[in-house]
Amino acid sequence: SDDLMSRGEVGKVGVAISSLEDMETLLRDIPLKQVSTSMTI
């Protein structure tokens, strides 16, 4: 997200994920054992 190529596009068409910390925040309190997660990537 801090790359010069990212300016103006961060979070615009989806969630910004750059680090493990970001992914932990995204999935916080989501029941990963119960939910089927589909990632468009």
ModelCIF file with pLDDT and N, C-alpha, C, O atoms, coordinates in Angstrom:
data_MODEL
#
_entry.id   MODEL 
#
_entity.id                         1 
_entity.type                       polymer 
_entity.pdbx_number_of_molecules   1 
#
_entity_poly.entity_id                      1 
_entity_poly.type                           'polypeptide(L)' 
_entity_poly.nstd_linkage                   no 
_entity_poly.nstd_monomer                   no 
_entity_poly.pdbx_seq_one_letter_code       SDDLMSRGEVGKVGVAISSLEDMETLLRDIPLKQVSTSMTI 
_entity_poly.pdbx_seq_one_letter_code_can   SDDLMSRGEVGKVGVAISSLEDMETLLRDIPLKQVSTSMTI 
_entity_poly.pdbx_strand_id                 A 
#
loop_
_entity_poly_seq.entity_id 
_entity_poly_seq.num 
_entity_poly_seq.mon_id 
_entity_poly_seq.hetero 
1 1  SER n 
1 2  ASP n 
1 3  ASP n 
1 4  LEU n 
1 5  MET n 
1 6  SER n 
1 7  ARG n 
1 8  GLY n 
1 9  GLU n 
1 10 VAL n 
1 11 GLY n 
1 12 LYS n 
1 13 VAL n 
1 14 GLY n 
1 15 VAL n 
1 16 ALA n 
1 17 ILE n 
1 18 SER n 
1 19 SER n 
1 20 LEU n 
1 21 GLU n 
1 22 ASP n 
1 23 MET n 
1 24 GLU n 
1 25 THR n 
1 26 LEU n 
1 27 LEU n 
1 28 ARG n 
1 29 ASP n 
1 30 ILE n 
1 31 PRO n 
1 32 LEU n 
1 33 LYS n 
1 34 GLN n 
1 35 VAL n 
1 36 SER n 
1 37 THR n 
1 38 SER n 
1 39 MET n 
1 40 THR n 
1 41 ILE n 
#
_struct_asym.id          A 
_struct_asym.entity_id   1 
#
loop_
_ma_qa_metric.id 
_ma_qa_metric.mode 
_ma_qa_metric.name 
_ma_qa_metric.software_group_id 
_ma_qa_metric.type 
1 global pLDDT . pLDDT 
2 local  pLDDT . pLDDT 
#
_ma_qa_metric_global.metric_id      1 
_ma_qa_metric_global.metric_value   93.51 
_ma_qa_metric_global.model_id       1 
_ma_qa_metric_global.ordinal_id     1 
#
loop_
_ma_qa_metric_local.label_asym_id 
_ma_qa_metric_local.label_comp_id 
_ma_qa_metric_local.label_seq_id 
_ma_qa_metric_local.metric_id 
_ma_qa_metric_local.metric_value 
_ma_qa_metric_local.model_id 
_ma_qa_metric_local.ordinal_id 
A SER 1  2 98.00 1 1  
A ASP 2  2 97.00 1 2  
A ASP 3  2 98.00 1 3  
A LEU 4  2 97.00 1 4  
A MET 5  2 97.00 1 5  
A SER 6  2 97.00 1 6  
A ARG 7  2 96.00 1 7  
A GLY 8  2 95.00 1 8  
A GLU 9  2 95.00 1 9  
A VAL 10 2 95.00 1 10 
A GLY 11 2 92.00 1 11 
A LYS 12 2 90.00 1 12 
A VAL 13 2 88.00 1 13 
A GLY 14 2 90.00 1 14 
A VAL 15 2 94.00 1 15 
A ALA 16 2 95.00 1 16 
A ILE 17 2 97.00 1 17 
A SER 18 2 98.00 1 18 
A SER 19 2 98.00 1 19 
A LEU 20 2 98.00 1 20 
A GLU 21 2 97.00 1 21 
A ASP 22 2 97.00 1 22 
A MET 23 2 96.00 1 23 
A GLU 24 2 97.00 1 24 
A THR 25 2 95.00 1 25 
A LEU 26 2 94.00 1 26 
A LEU 27 2 93.00 1 27 
A ARG 28 2 93.00 1 28 
A ASP 29 2 90.00 1 29 
A ILE 30 2 89.00 1 30 
A PRO 31 2 88.00 1 31 
A LEU 32 2 91.00 1 32 
A LYS 33 2 88.00 1 33 
A GLN 34 2 87.00 1 34 
A VAL 35 2 87.00 1 35 
A SER 36 2 89.00 1 36 
A THR 37 2 91.00 1 37 
A SER 38 2 89.00 1 38 
A MET 39 2 92.00 1 39 
A THR 40 2 91.00 1 40 
A ILE 41 2 95.00 1 41 
#
loop_
_atom_site.group_PDB 
_atom_site.id 
_atom_site.type_symbol 
_atom_site.label_atom_id 
_atom_site.label_alt_id 
_atom_site.label_comp_id 
_atom_site.label_asym_id 
_atom_site.label_entity_id 
_atom_site.label_seq_id 
_atom_site.pdbx_PDB_ins_code 
_atom_site.Cartn_x 
_atom_site.Cartn_y 
_atom_site.Cartn_z 
_atom_site.occupancy 
_atom_site.B_iso_or_equiv 
_atom_site.pdbx_formal_charge 
_atom_site.auth_seq_id 
_atom_site.auth_comp_id 
_atom_site.auth_asym_id 
_atom_site.auth_atom_id 
_atom_site.pdbx_PDB_model_num 
ATOM 1   N N  . SER A 1 1  ? 0.804   -1.222  0.000  1.00 98.00 ? 1  SER A N  1 
ATOM 2   C CA . SER A 1 1  ? 0.000   0.000   0.000  1.00 98.00 ? 1  SER A CA 1 
ATOM 3   C C  . SER A 1 1  ? 0.838   1.274   0.000  1.00 98.00 ? 1  SER A C  1 
ATOM 4   O O  . SER A 1 1  ? 0.366   2.326   -0.430 1.00 98.00 ? 1  SER A O  1 
ATOM 5   N N  . ASP A 1 2  ? 2.094   1.187   0.485  1.00 97.00 ? 2  ASP A N  1 
ATOM 6   C CA . ASP A 1 2  ? 2.944   2.384   0.535  1.00 97.00 ? 2  ASP A CA 1 
ATOM 7   C C  . ASP A 1 2  ? 3.831   2.521   -0.701 1.00 97.00 ? 2  ASP A C  1 
ATOM 8   O O  . ASP A 1 2  ? 4.670   3.420   -0.759 1.00 97.00 ? 2  ASP A O  1 
ATOM 9   N N  . ASP A 1 3  ? 3.660   1.649   -1.679 1.00 98.00 ? 3  ASP A N  1 
ATOM 10  C CA . ASP A 1 3  ? 4.438   1.726   -2.915 1.00 98.00 ? 3  ASP A CA 1 
ATOM 11  C C  . ASP A 1 3  ? 3.943   2.899   -3.762 1.00 98.00 ? 3  ASP A C  1 
ATOM 12  O O  . ASP A 1 3  ? 2.748   3.193   -3.770 1.00 98.00 ? 3  ASP A O  1 
ATOM 13  N N  . LEU A 1 4  ? 4.846   3.568   -4.469 1.00 97.00 ? 4  LEU A N  1 
ATOM 14  C CA . LEU A 1 4  ? 4.449   4.678   -5.338 1.00 97.00 ? 4  LEU A CA 1 
ATOM 15  C C  . LEU A 1 4  ? 3.420   4.233   -6.384 1.00 97.00 ? 4  LEU A C  1 
ATOM 16  O O  . LEU A 1 4  ? 2.556   5.014   -6.781 1.00 97.00 ? 4  LEU A O  1 
ATOM 17  N N  . MET A 1 5  ? 3.519   2.970   -6.826 1.00 97.00 ? 5  MET A N  1 
ATOM 18  C CA . MET A 1 5  ? 2.580   2.463   -7.818 1.00 97.00 ? 5  MET A CA 1 
ATOM 19  C C  . MET A 1 5  ? 1.165   2.307   -7.259 1.00 97.00 ? 5  MET A C  1 
ATOM 20  O O  . MET A 1 5  ? 0.219   2.123   -8.025 1.00 97.00 ? 5  MET A O  1 
ATOM 21  N N  . SER A 1 6  ? 1.008   2.379   -5.941 1.00 97.00 ? 6  SER A N  1 
ATOM 22  C CA . SER A 1 6  ? -0.293  2.151   -5.309 1.00 97.00 ? 6  SER A CA 1 
ATOM 23  C C  . SER A 1 6  ? -1.073  3.428   -5.063 1.00 97.00 ? 6  SER A C  1 
ATOM 24  O O  . SER A 1 6  ? -2.245  3.370   -4.690 1.00 97.00 ? 6  SER A O  1 
ATOM 25  N N  . ARG A 1 7  ? -0.462  4.559   -5.261 1.00 96.00 ? 7  ARG A N  1 
ATOM 26  C CA . ARG A 1 7  ? -1.110  5.831   -4.903 1.00 96.00 ? 7  ARG A CA 1 
ATOM 27  C C  . ARG A 1 7  ? -2.446  6.011   -5.626 1.00 96.00 ? 7  ARG A C  1 
ATOM 28  O O  . ARG A 1 7  ? -2.545  5.864   -6.844 1.00 96.00 ? 7  ARG A O  1 
ATOM 29  N N  . GLY A 1 8  ? -3.464  6.334   -4.835 1.00 95.00 ? 8  GLY A N  1 
ATOM 30  C CA . GLY A 1 8  ? -4.785  6.572   -5.378 1.00 95.00 ? 8  GLY A CA 1 
ATOM 31  C C  . GLY A 1 8  ? -5.612  5.323   -5.598 1.00 95.00 ? 8  GLY A C  1 
ATOM 32  O O  . GLY A 1 8  ? -6.791  5.422   -5.936 1.00 95.00 ? 8  GLY A O  1 
ATOM 33  N N  . GLU A 1 9  ? -5.022  4.144   -5.413 1.00 95.00 ? 9  GLU A N  1 
ATOM 34  C CA . GLU A 1 9  ? -5.735  2.888   -5.673 1.00 95.00 ? 9  GLU A CA 1 
ATOM 35  C C  . GLU A 1 9  ? -5.931  2.036   -4.422 1.00 95.00 ? 9  GLU A C  1 
ATOM 36  O O  . GLU A 1 9  ? -6.573  0.987   -4.487 1.00 95.00 ? 9  GLU A O  1 
ATOM 37  N N  . VAL A 1 10 ? -5.400  2.460   -3.306 1.00 95.00 ? 10 VAL A N  1 
ATOM 38  C CA . VAL A 1 10 ? -5.457  1.650   -2.087 1.00 95.00 ? 10 VAL A CA 1 
ATOM 39  C C  . VAL A 1 10 ? -6.899  1.539   -1.595 1.00 95.00 ? 10 VAL A C  1 
ATOM 40  O O  . VAL A 1 10 ? -7.543  2.543   -1.288 1.00 95.00 ? 10 VAL A O  1 
ATOM 41  N N  . GLY A 1 11 ? -7.392  0.305   -1.525 1.00 92.00 ? 11 GLY A N  1 
ATOM 42  C CA . GLY A 1 11 ? -8.727  0.062   -0.982 1.00 92.00 ? 11 GLY A CA 1 
ATOM 43  C C  . GLY A 1 11 ? -9.880  0.451   -1.882 1.00 92.00 ? 11 GLY A C  1 
ATOM 44  O O  . GLY A 1 11 ? -11.026 0.451   -1.431 1.00 92.00 ? 11 GLY A O  1 
ATOM 45  N N  . LYS A 1 12 ? -9.620  0.784   -3.146 1.00 90.00 ? 12 LYS A N  1 
ATOM 46  C CA . LYS A 1 12 ? -10.689 1.318   -3.991 1.00 90.00 ? 12 LYS A CA 1 
ATOM 47  C C  . LYS A 1 12 ? -11.600 0.232   -4.567 1.00 90.00 ? 12 LYS A C  1 
ATOM 48  O O  . LYS A 1 12 ? -12.810 0.446   -4.645 1.00 90.00 ? 12 LYS A O  1 
ATOM 49  N N  . VAL A 1 13 ? -11.074 -0.907  -4.967 1.00 88.00 ? 13 VAL A N  1 
ATOM 50  C CA . VAL A 1 13 ? -11.926 -1.946  -5.566 1.00 88.00 ? 13 VAL A CA 1 
ATOM 51  C C  . VAL A 1 13 ? -11.925 -3.226  -4.725 1.00 88.00 ? 13 VAL A C  1 
ATOM 52  O O  . VAL A 1 13 ? -12.410 -4.266  -5.170 1.00 88.00 ? 13 VAL A O  1 
ATOM 53  N N  . GLY A 1 14 ? -11.396 -3.146  -3.547 1.00 90.00 ? 14 GLY A N  1 
ATOM 54  C CA . GLY A 1 14 ? -11.328 -4.295  -2.652 1.00 90.00 ? 14 GLY A CA 1 
ATOM 55  C C  . GLY A 1 14 ? -10.528 -3.905  -1.430 1.00 90.00 ? 14 GLY A C  1 
ATOM 56  O O  . GLY A 1 14 ? -10.163 -2.742  -1.257 1.00 90.00 ? 14 GLY A O  1 
ATOM 57  N N  . VAL A 1 15 ? -10.260 -4.874  -0.592 1.00 94.00 ? 15 VAL A N  1 
ATOM 58  C CA . VAL A 1 15 ? -9.553  -4.596  0.653  1.00 94.00 ? 15 VAL A CA 1 
ATOM 59  C C  . VAL A 1 15 ? -8.044  -4.596  0.409  1.00 94.00 ? 15 VAL A C  1 
ATOM 60  O O  . VAL A 1 15 ? -7.530  -5.415  -0.353 1.00 94.00 ? 15 VAL A O  1 
ATOM 61  N N  . ALA A 1 16 ? -7.349  -3.681  1.056  1.00 95.00 ? 16 ALA A N  1 
ATOM 62  C CA . ALA A 1 16 ? -5.891  -3.569  0.946  1.00 95.00 ? 16 ALA A CA 1 
ATOM 63  C C  . ALA A 1 16 ? -5.232  -4.515  1.942  1.00 95.00 ? 16 ALA A C  1 
ATOM 64  O O  . ALA A 1 16 ? -5.432  -4.400  3.151  1.00 95.00 ? 16 ALA A O  1 
ATOM 65  N N  . ILE A 1 17 ? -4.441  -5.455  1.417  1.00 97.00 ? 17 ILE A N  1 
ATOM 66  C CA . ILE A 1 17 ? -3.719  -6.405  2.268  1.00 97.00 ? 17 ILE A CA 1 
ATOM 67  C C  . ILE A 1 17 ? -2.249  -6.396  1.859  1.00 97.00 ? 17 ILE A C  1 
ATOM 68  O O  . ILE A 1 17 ? -1.903  -6.798  0.748  1.00 97.00 ? 17 ILE A O  1 
ATOM 69  N N  . SER A 1 18 ? -1.392  -5.936  2.762  1.00 98.00 ? 18 SER A N  1 
ATOM 70  C CA . SER A 1 18 ? 0.047   -5.926  2.502  1.00 98.00 ? 18 SER A CA 1 
ATOM 71  C C  . SER A 1 18 ? 0.837   -6.787  3.470  1.00 98.00 ? 18 SER A C  1 
ATOM 72  O O  . SER A 1 18 ? 1.960   -7.191  3.167  1.00 98.00 ? 18 SER A O  1 
ATOM 73  N N  . SER A 1 19 ? 0.266   -7.071  4.626  1.00 98.00 ? 19 SER A N  1 
ATOM 74  C CA . SER A 1 19 ? 1.046   -7.712  5.687  1.00 98.00 ? 19 SER A CA 1 
ATOM 75  C C  . SER A 1 19 ? 0.215   -8.746  6.424  1.00 98.00 ? 19 SER A C  1 
ATOM 76  O O  . SER A 1 19 ? -1.001  -8.828  6.252  1.00 98.00 ? 19 SER A O  1 
ATOM 77  N N  . LEU A 1 20 ? 0.886   -9.525  7.240  1.00 98.00 ? 20 LEU A N  1 
ATOM 78  C CA . LEU A 1 20 ? 0.198   -10.475 8.109  1.00 98.00 ? 20 LEU A CA 1 
ATOM 79  C C  . LEU A 1 20 ? -0.709  -9.739  9.084  1.00 98.00 ? 20 LEU A C  1 
ATOM 80  O O  . LEU A 1 20 ? -1.792  -10.222 9.413  1.00 98.00 ? 20 LEU A O  1 
ATOM 81  N N  . GLU A 1 21 ? -0.280  -8.596  9.538  1.00 97.00 ? 21 GLU A N  1 
ATOM 82  C CA . GLU A 1 21 ? -1.112  -7.791  10.433 1.00 97.00 ? 21 GLU A CA 1 
ATOM 83  C C  . GLU A 1 21 ? -2.421  -7.418  9.754  1.00 97.00 ? 21 GLU A C  1 
ATOM 84  O O  . GLU A 1 21 ? -3.479  -7.478  10.381 1.00 97.00 ? 21 GLU A O  1 
ATOM 85  N N  . ASP A 1 22 ? -2.367  -7.031  8.479  1.00 97.00 ? 22 ASP A N  1 
ATOM 86  C CA . ASP A 1 22 ? -3.590  -6.701  7.743  1.00 97.00 ? 22 ASP A CA 1 
ATOM 87  C C  . ASP A 1 22 ? -4.534  -7.893  7.687  1.00 97.00 ? 22 ASP A C  1 
ATOM 88  O O  . ASP A 1 22 ? -5.735  -7.742  7.912  1.00 97.00 ? 22 ASP A O  1 
ATOM 89  N N  . MET A 1 23 ? -4.003  -9.080  7.389  1.00 96.00 ? 23 MET A N  1 
ATOM 90  C CA . MET A 1 23 ? -4.852  -10.259 7.274  1.00 96.00 ? 23 MET A CA 1 
ATOM 91  C C  . MET A 1 23 ? -5.443  -10.651 8.623  1.00 96.00 ? 23 MET A C  1 
ATOM 92  O O  . MET A 1 23 ? -6.594  -11.080 8.696  1.00 96.00 ? 23 MET A O  1 
ATOM 93  N N  . GLU A 1 24 ? -4.668  -10.506 9.680  1.00 97.00 ? 24 GLU A N  1 
ATOM 94  C CA . GLU A 1 24 ? -5.198  -10.789 11.019 1.00 97.00 ? 24 GLU A CA 1 
ATOM 95  C C  . GLU A 1 24 ? -6.355  -9.855  11.346 1.00 97.00 ? 24 GLU A C  1 
ATOM 96  O O  . GLU A 1 24 ? -7.349  -10.276 11.937 1.00 97.00 ? 24 GLU A O  1 
ATOM 97  N N  . THR A 1 25 ? -6.227  -8.590  10.963 1.00 95.00 ? 25 THR A N  1 
ATOM 98  C CA . THR A 1 25 ? -7.296  -7.622  11.213 1.00 95.00 ? 25 THR A CA 1 
ATOM 99  C C  . THR A 1 25 ? -8.536  -7.966  10.396 1.00 95.00 ? 25 THR A C  1 
ATOM 100 O O  . THR A 1 25 ? -9.654  -7.914  10.909 1.00 95.00 ? 25 THR A O  1 
ATOM 101 N N  . LEU A 1 26 ? -8.344  -8.318  9.128  1.00 94.00 ? 26 LEU A N  1 
ATOM 102 C CA . LEU A 1 26 ? -9.464  -8.654  8.256  1.00 94.00 ? 26 LEU A CA 1 
ATOM 103 C C  . LEU A 1 26 ? -10.272 -9.831  8.799  1.00 94.00 ? 26 LEU A C  1 
ATOM 104 O O  . LEU A 1 26 ? -11.501 -9.830  8.727  1.00 94.00 ? 26 LEU A O  1 
ATOM 105 N N  . LEU A 1 27 ? -9.577  -10.840 9.345  1.00 93.00 ? 27 LEU A N  1 
ATOM 106 C CA . LEU A 1 27 ? -10.233 -12.077 9.777  1.00 93.00 ? 27 LEU A CA 1 
ATOM 107 C C  . LEU A 1 27 ? -10.533 -12.119 11.269 1.00 93.00 ? 27 LEU A C  1 
ATOM 108 O O  . LEU A 1 27 ? -10.934 -13.159 11.790 1.00 93.00 ? 27 LEU A O  1 
ATOM 109 N N  . ARG A 1 28 ? -10.346 -11.017 11.949 1.00 93.00 ? 28 ARG A N  1 
ATOM 110 C CA . ARG A 1 28 ? -10.560 -10.982 13.400 1.00 93.00 ? 28 ARG A CA 1 
ATOM 111 C C  . ARG A 1 28 ? -12.012 -11.365 13.750 1.00 93.00 ? 28 ARG A C  1 
ATOM 112 O O  . ARG A 1 28 ? -12.962 -10.770 13.240 1.00 93.00 ? 28 ARG A O  1 
ATOM 113 N N  . ASP A 1 29 ? -12.156 -12.352 14.614 1.00 90.00 ? 29 ASP A N  1 
ATOM 114 C CA . ASP A 1 29 ? -13.458 -12.827 15.109 1.00 90.00 ? 29 ASP A CA 1 
ATOM 115 C C  . ASP A 1 29 ? -14.307 -13.486 14.019 1.00 90.00 ? 29 ASP A C  1 
ATOM 116 O O  . ASP A 1 29 ? -15.498 -13.716 14.228 1.00 90.00 ? 29 ASP A O  1 
ATOM 117 N N  . ILE A 1 30 ? -13.717 -13.794 12.862 1.00 89.00 ? 30 ILE A N  1 
ATOM 118 C CA . ILE A 1 30 ? -14.421 -14.562 11.830 1.00 89.00 ? 30 ILE A CA 1 
ATOM 119 C C  . ILE A 1 30 ? -14.207 -16.052 12.136 1.00 89.00 ? 30 ILE A C  1 
ATOM 120 O O  . ILE A 1 30 ? -13.063 -16.469 12.316 1.00 89.00 ? 30 ILE A O  1 
ATOM 121 N N  . PRO A 1 31 ? -15.263 -16.861 12.202 1.00 88.00 ? 31 PRO A N  1 
ATOM 122 C CA . PRO A 1 31 ? -15.110 -18.277 12.566 1.00 88.00 ? 31 PRO A CA 1 
ATOM 123 C C  . PRO A 1 31 ? -14.545 -19.101 11.412 1.00 88.00 ? 31 PRO A C  1 
ATOM 124 O O  . PRO A 1 31 ? -15.300 -19.682 10.632 1.00 88.00 ? 31 PRO A O  1 
ATOM 125 N N  . LEU A 1 32 ? -13.233 -19.150 11.305 1.00 91.00 ? 32 LEU A N  1 
ATOM 126 C CA . LEU A 1 32 ? -12.585 -19.796 10.165 1.00 91.00 ? 32 LEU A CA 1 
ATOM 127 C C  . LEU A 1 32 ? -12.889 -21.290 10.095 1.00 91.00 ? 32 LEU A C  1 
ATOM 128 O O  . LEU A 1 32 ? -12.835 -21.877 9.015  1.00 91.00 ? 32 LEU A O  1 
ATOM 129 N N  . LYS A 1 33 ? -13.207 -21.914 11.226 1.00 88.00 ? 33 LYS A N  1 
ATOM 130 C CA . LYS A 1 33 ? -13.568 -23.341 11.210 1.00 88.00 ? 33 LYS A CA 1 
ATOM 131 C C  . LYS A 1 33 ? -14.922 -23.572 10.540 1.00 88.00 ? 33 LYS A C  1 
ATOM 132 O O  . LYS A 1 33 ? -15.182 -24.651 10.007 1.00 88.00 ? 33 LYS A O  1 
ATOM 133 N N  . GLN A 1 34 ? -15.775 -22.560 10.570 1.00 87.00 ? 34 GLN A N  1 
ATOM 134 C CA . GLN A 1 34 ? -17.153 -22.723 10.116 1.00 87.00 ? 34 GLN A CA 1 
ATOM 135 C C  . GLN A 1 34 ? -17.414 -22.111 8.741  1.00 87.00 ? 34 GLN A C  1 
ATOM 136 O O  . GLN A 1 34 ? -18.295 -22.566 8.011  1.00 87.00 ? 34 GLN A O  1 
ATOM 137 N N  . VAL A 1 35 ? -16.647 -21.081 8.392  1.00 87.00 ? 35 VAL A N  1 
ATOM 138 C CA . VAL A 1 35 ? -16.921 -20.318 7.178  1.00 87.00 ? 35 VAL A CA 1 
ATOM 139 C C  . VAL A 1 35 ? -16.047 -20.817 6.033  1.00 87.00 ? 35 VAL A C  1 
ATOM 140 O O  . VAL A 1 35 ? -14.852 -21.059 6.206  1.00 87.00 ? 35 VAL A O  1 
ATOM 141 N N  . SER A 1 36 ? -16.659 -20.967 4.864  1.00 89.00 ? 36 SER A N  1 
ATOM 142 C CA . SER A 1 36 ? -15.902 -21.231 3.643  1.00 89.00 ? 36 SER A CA 1 
ATOM 143 C C  . SER A 1 36 ? -15.541 -19.890 3.022  1.00 89.00 ? 36 SER A C  1 
ATOM 144 O O  . SER A 1 36 ? -16.422 -19.095 2.694  1.00 89.00 ? 36 SER A O  1 
ATOM 145 N N  . THR A 1 37 ? -14.249 -19.637 2.860  1.00 91.00 ? 37 THR A N  1 
ATOM 146 C CA . THR A 1 37 ? -13.773 -18.333 2.396  1.00 91.00 ? 37 THR A CA 1 
ATOM 147 C C  . THR A 1 37 ? -13.313 -18.419 0.945  1.00 91.00 ? 37 THR A C  1 
ATOM 148 O O  . THR A 1 37 ? -12.478 -19.251 0.592  1.00 91.00 ? 37 THR A O  1 
ATOM 149 N N  . SER A 1 38 ? -13.865 -17.558 0.125  1.00 89.00 ? 38 SER A N  1 
ATOM 150 C CA . SER A 1 38 ? -13.465 -17.483 -1.282 1.00 89.00 ? 38 SER A CA 1 
ATOM 151 C C  . SER A 1 38 ? -12.693 -16.191 -1.494 1.00 89.00 ? 38 SER A C  1 
ATOM 152 O O  . SER A 1 38 ? -13.187 -15.106 -1.189 1.00 89.00 ? 38 SER A O  1 
ATOM 153 N N  . MET A 1 39 ? -11.469 -16.315 -2.024 1.00 92.00 ? 39 MET A N  1 
ATOM 154 C CA . MET A 1 39 ? -10.626 -15.139 -2.230 1.00 92.00 ? 39 MET A CA 1 
ATOM 155 C C  . MET A 1 39 ? -10.398 -14.909 -3.720 1.00 92.00 ? 39 MET A C  1 
ATOM 156 O O  . MET A 1 39 ? -9.828  -15.749 -4.416 1.00 92.00 ? 39 MET A O  1 
ATOM 157 N N  . THR A 1 40 ? -10.860 -13.745 -4.196 1.00 91.00 ? 40 THR A N  1 
ATOM 158 C CA . THR A 1 40 ? -10.683 -13.387 -5.604 1.00 91.00 ? 40 THR A CA 1 
ATOM 159 C C  . THR A 1 40 ? -9.299  -12.784 -5.763 1.00 91.00 ? 40 THR A C  1 
ATOM 160 O O  . THR A 1 40 ? -9.101  -11.586 -5.563 1.00 91.00 ? 40 THR A O  1 
ATOM 161 N N  . ILE A 1 41 ? -8.348  -13.627 -6.124 1.00 95.00 ? 41 ILE A N  1 
ATOM 162 C CA . ILE A 1 41 ? -6.958  -13.206 -6.233 1.00 95.00 ? 41 ILE A CA 1 
ATOM 163 C C  . ILE A 1 41 ? -6.251  -14.175 -7.175 1.00 95.00 ? 41 ILE A C  1 
ATOM 164 O O  . ILE A 1 41 ? -5.056  -14.028 -7.429 1.00 95.00 ? 41 ILE A O  1 
#
